[in-house]
Amino acid sequence: MKGIDWPNLMRAGLHVLGLTPGEFWNLTPAELRVMLGEQSASGPLLSDGLQALMAAYPDGSGKK
């Protein structure tokens, strides 16, 4: 997993996009990347991925 380059993201958000600090910190890194024109490297979550997430993090539905 790659770390987040906060100094460069902050520089881009505050100086390039002209965001206020509050606007910057209310964005997710993914939203900021989209605003900067980056394309997402990951594809959509397909049923296999969804099933794996549901198995890993059950919400307890159906249990009474």
Protein backbone atom coordinates (compact mmCIF):
# COMPACT_ATOMS: atom_id res chain seq x y z
CA MET A 1 0.00 0.00 0.00
CA LYS A 2 1.29 3.40 -0.94
CA GLY A 3 1.27 6.25 1.59
CA ILE A 4 -0.45 9.58 1.02
CA ASP A 5 1.83 12.45 0.04
CA TRP A 6 0.15 15.06 2.26
CA PRO A 7 2.56 17.95 1.57
CA ASN A 8 1.99 17.74 -2.19
CA LEU A 9 -1.76 17.18 -1.83
CA MET A 10 -2.02 20.17 0.51
CA ARG A 11 0.03 22.32 -1.85
CA ALA A 12 -2.17 21.30 -4.79
CA GLY A 13 -5.41 21.79 -2.87
CA LEU A 14 -4.56 25.10 -1.23
CA HIS A 15 -2.45 26.74 -3.93
CA VAL A 16 -3.46 25.16 -7.23
CA LEU A 17 -7.18 24.71 -6.56
CA GLY A 18 -7.48 27.66 -4.19
CA LEU A 19 -9.31 25.70 -1.50
CA THR A 20 -9.55 27.02 2.04
CA PRO A 21 -8.06 24.79 4.75
CA GLY A 22 -11.58 23.83 5.84
CA GLU A 23 -12.59 22.88 2.30
CA PHE A 24 -9.38 20.89 1.87
CA TRP A 25 -9.81 18.88 5.08
CA ASN A 26 -13.48 18.15 4.31
CA LEU A 27 -12.46 16.34 1.12
CA THR A 28 -11.44 12.71 0.93
CA PRO A 29 -8.12 11.99 -0.79
CA ALA A 30 -10.09 10.42 -3.64
CA GLU A 31 -12.21 13.56 -4.09
CA LEU A 32 -9.09 15.71 -4.14
CA ARG A 33 -7.47 13.48 -6.74
CA VAL A 34 -10.56 13.79 -8.96
CA MET A 35 -10.51 17.58 -8.58
CA LEU A 36 -6.87 17.54 -9.67
CA GLY A 37 -7.76 15.52 -12.76
CA GLU A 38 -6.32 12.17 -11.77
CA GLN A 39 -8.05 9.09 -13.07
CA SER A 40 -8.91 6.31 -10.64
CA ALA A 41 -6.61 3.32 -10.90
CA SER A 42 -9.13 0.94 -9.37
CA GLY A 43 -12.18 -0.44 -11.09
CA PRO A 44 -15.68 -0.86 -9.79
CA LEU A 45 -16.43 -3.10 -6.82
CA LEU A 46 -17.80 -6.28 -8.36
CA SER A 47 -19.89 -8.94 -6.64
CA ASP A 48 -16.85 -10.99 -5.54
CA GLY A 49 -15.33 -7.95 -3.86
CA LEU A 50 -18.64 -7.03 -2.26
CA GLN A 51 -19.11 -10.57 -0.94
CA ALA A 52 -15.61 -10.51 0.55
CA LEU A 53 -16.32 -7.18 2.28
CA MET A 54 -19.66 -8.42 3.60
CA ALA A 55 -18.00 -11.55 4.99
CA ALA A 56 -15.19 -9.55 6.60
CA TYR A 57 -17.50 -6.87 8.07
CA PRO A 58 -20.94 -8.37 8.72
CA ASP A 59 -23.58 -5.86 9.79
CA GLY A 60 -25.61 -8.37 11.77
CA SER A 61 -28.67 -8.15 9.49
CA GLY A 62 -30.84 -11.18 9.70
CA LYS A 63 -29.76 -11.98 13.28
CA LYS A 64 -32.36 -11.52 15.95
